[in-house]
PDB file of N, CA and C in Angstrom:
ATOM      1  N   UNK A   1      -6.498   2.140 -13.657  1.00  0.00           N
ATOM      2  CA  UNK A   1      -6.383   0.691 -13.952  1.00  0.00           C
ATOM      3  C   UNK A   1      -6.581  -0.149 -12.699  1.00  0.00           C
ATOM      4  N   UNK A   2      -7.185  -1.302 -12.887  1.00  0.00           N
ATOM      5  CA  UNK A   2      -7.383  -2.189 -11.747  1.00  0.00           C
ATOM      6  C   UNK A   2      -8.646  -1.858 -10.977  1.00  0.00           C
ATOM      7  N   UNK A   3      -9.390  -0.857 -11.421  1.00  0.00           N
ATOM      8  CA  UNK A   3     -10.601  -0.474 -10.695  1.00  0.00           C
ATOM      9  C   UNK A   3     -11.818  -1.256 -11.193  1.00  0.00           C
ATOM     10  N   UNK A   4     -11.760  -1.716 -12.437  1.00  0.00           N
ATOM     11  CA  UNK A   4     -12.921  -2.397 -13.007  1.00  0.00           C
ATOM     12  C   UNK A   4     -13.138  -3.746 -12.327  1.00  0.00           C
ATOM     13  N   UNK A   5     -12.153  -4.635 -12.399  1.00  0.00           N
ATOM     14  CA  UNK A   5     -12.351  -5.967 -11.837  1.00  0.00           C
ATOM     15  C   UNK A   5     -11.203  -6.366 -10.936  1.00  0.00           C
ATOM     16  N   UNK A   6     -10.369  -5.388 -10.580  1.00  0.00           N
ATOM     17  CA  UNK A   6      -9.211  -5.693  -9.745  1.00  0.00           C
ATOM     18  C   UNK A   6      -9.546  -5.570  -8.268  1.00  0.00           C
ATOM     19  N   UNK A   7      -8.553  -5.277  -7.459  1.00  0.00           N
ATOM     20  CA  UNK A   7      -8.753  -5.148  -6.015  1.00  0.00           C
ATOM     21  C   UNK A   7      -9.700  -4.000  -5.690  1.00  0.00           C
ATOM     22  N   UNK A   8     -10.340  -4.095  -4.547  1.00  0.00           N
ATOM     23  CA  UNK A   8     -11.292  -3.056  -4.147  1.00  0.00           C
ATOM     24  C   UNK A   8     -10.561  -1.755  -3.855  1.00  0.00           C
ATOM     25  N   UNK A   9     -11.038  -0.678  -4.486  1.00  0.00           N
ATOM     26  CA  UNK A   9     -10.457   0.642  -4.216  1.00  0.00           C
ATOM     27  C   UNK A   9     -11.355   1.376  -3.228  1.00  0.00           C
ATOM     28  N   UNK A  10     -10.806   2.346  -2.513  1.00  0.00           N
ATOM     29  CA  UNK A  10     -11.603   3.108  -1.542  1.00  0.00           C
ATOM     30  C   UNK A  10     -12.902   3.623  -2.154  1.00  0.00           C
ATOM     31  N   UNK A  11     -12.823   4.065  -3.414  1.00  0.00           N
ATOM     32  CA  UNK A  11     -14.031   4.598  -4.045  1.00  0.00           C
ATOM     33  C   UNK A  11     -15.066   3.487  -4.217  1.00  0.00           C
ATOM     34  N   UNK A  12     -14.577   2.309  -4.638  1.00  0.00           N
ATOM     35  CA  UNK A  12     -15.491   1.187  -4.851  1.00  0.00           C
ATOM     36  C   UNK A  12     -16.117   0.771  -3.528  1.00  0.00           C
ATOM     37  N   UNK A  13     -15.298   0.697  -2.487  1.00  0.00           N
ATOM     38  CA  UNK A  13     -15.803   0.298  -1.175  1.00  0.00           C
ATOM     39  C   UNK A  13     -16.833   1.315  -0.688  1.00  0.00           C
ATOM     40  N   UNK A  14     -16.522   2.595  -0.864  1.00  0.00           N
ATOM     41  CA  UNK A  14     -17.444   3.636  -0.417  1.00  0.00           C
ATOM     42  C   UNK A  14     -18.765   3.518  -1.165  1.00  0.00           C
ATOM     43  N   UNK A  15     -18.684   3.267  -2.467  1.00  0.00           N
ATOM     44  CA  UNK A  15     -19.903   3.150  -3.264  1.00  0.00           C
ATOM     45  C   UNK A  15     -20.736   1.963  -2.787  1.00  0.00           C
ATOM     46  N   UNK A  16     -20.072   0.811  -2.586  1.00  0.00           N
ATOM     47  CA  UNK A  16     -20.785  -0.373  -2.119  1.00  0.00           C
ATOM     48  C   UNK A  16     -21.417  -0.113  -0.755  1.00  0.00           C
ATOM     49  N   UNK A  17     -20.673   0.579   0.121  1.00  0.00           N
ATOM     50  CA  UNK A  17     -21.200   0.860   1.456  1.00  0.00           C
ATOM     51  C   UNK A  17     -22.439   1.738   1.352  1.00  0.00           C
ATOM     52  N   UNK A  18     -22.388   2.764   0.530  1.00  0.00           N
ATOM     53  CA  UNK A  18     -23.539   3.653   0.380  1.00  0.00           C
ATOM     54  C   UNK A  18     -24.744   2.884  -0.153  1.00  0.00           C
ATOM     55  N   UNK A  19     -24.507   2.006  -1.129  1.00  0.00           N
ATOM     56  CA  UNK A  19     -25.597   1.228  -1.716  1.00  0.00           C
ATOM     57  C   UNK A  19     -26.220   0.308  -0.665  1.00  0.00           C
ATOM     58  N   UNK A  20     -25.368  -0.379   0.097  1.00  0.00           N
ATOM     59  CA  UNK A  20     -25.867  -1.295   1.125  1.00  0.00           C
ATOM     60  C   UNK A  20     -26.629  -0.519   2.190  1.00  0.00           C
ATOM     61  N   UNK A  21     -26.104   0.623   2.588  1.00  0.00           N
ATOM     62  CA  UNK A  21     -26.781   1.423   3.616  1.00  0.00           C
ATOM     63  C   UNK A  21     -28.137   1.890   3.116  1.00  0.00           C
ATOM     64  N   UNK A  22     -28.202   2.296   1.860  1.00  0.00           N
ATOM     65  CA  UNK A  22     -29.473   2.757   1.304  1.00  0.00           C
ATOM     66  C   UNK A  22     -30.491   1.622   1.315  1.00  0.00           C
ATOM     67  N   UNK A  23     -30.073   0.419   0.908  1.00  0.00           N
ATOM     68  CA  UNK A  23     -30.990  -0.719   0.905  1.00  0.00           C
ATOM     69  C   UNK A  23     -31.448  -1.046   2.317  1.00  0.00           C
ATOM     70  N   UNK A  24     -30.512  -1.012   3.267  1.00  0.00           N
ATOM     71  CA  UNK A  24     -30.853  -1.324   4.654  1.00  0.00           C
ATOM     72  C   UNK A  24     -31.883  -0.337   5.173  1.00  0.00           C
ATOM     73  N   UNK A  25     -31.657   0.944   4.938  1.00  0.00           N
ATOM     74  CA  UNK A  25     -32.584   1.957   5.444  1.00  0.00           C
ATOM     75  C   UNK A  25     -33.949   1.778   4.778  1.00  0.00           C
ATOM     76  N   UNK A  26     -33.955   1.435   3.493  1.00  0.00           N
ATOM     77  CA  UNK A  26     -35.225   1.230   2.798  1.00  0.00           C
ATOM     78  C   UNK A  26     -35.972   0.049   3.409  1.00  0.00           C
ATOM     79  N   UNK A  27     -35.282  -1.058   3.627  1.00  0.00           N
ATOM     80  CA  UNK A  27     -35.922  -2.236   4.206  1.00  0.00           C
ATOM     81  C   UNK A  27     -36.412  -1.921   5.613  1.00  0.00           C
ATOM     82  N   UNK A  28     -35.606  -1.197   6.369  1.00  0.00           N
ATOM     83  CA  UNK A  28     -35.976  -0.882   7.747  1.00  0.00           C
ATOM     84  C   UNK A  28     -37.228  -0.001   7.755  1.00  0.00           C
ATOM     85  N   UNK A  29     -37.301   0.930   6.801  1.00  0.00           N
ATOM     86  CA  UNK A  29     -38.453   1.827   6.736  1.00  0.00           C
ATOM     87  C   UNK A  29     -39.699   1.049   6.296  1.00  0.00           C
ATOM     88  N   UNK A  30     -39.492   0.000   5.509  1.00  0.00           N
ATOM     89  CA  UNK A  30     -40.617  -0.764   4.989  1.00  0.00           C
ATOM     90  C   UNK A  30     -41.320  -1.545   6.087  1.00  0.00           C
ATOM     91  N   UNK A  31     -40.539  -2.197   6.933  1.00  0.00           N
ATOM     92  CA  UNK A  31     -41.118  -3.066   7.944  1.00  0.00           C
ATOM     93  C   UNK A  31     -41.602  -2.290   9.162  1.00  0.00           C
TER      94      UNK A  31
END
């Protein structure tokens, strides 16, 4: 409970970090 729209949980933060890192690496590889 509280993981859907509540406070950020470690798992949610980790997922967001991985997603952001993947996008960054993709953009960096593109340019």
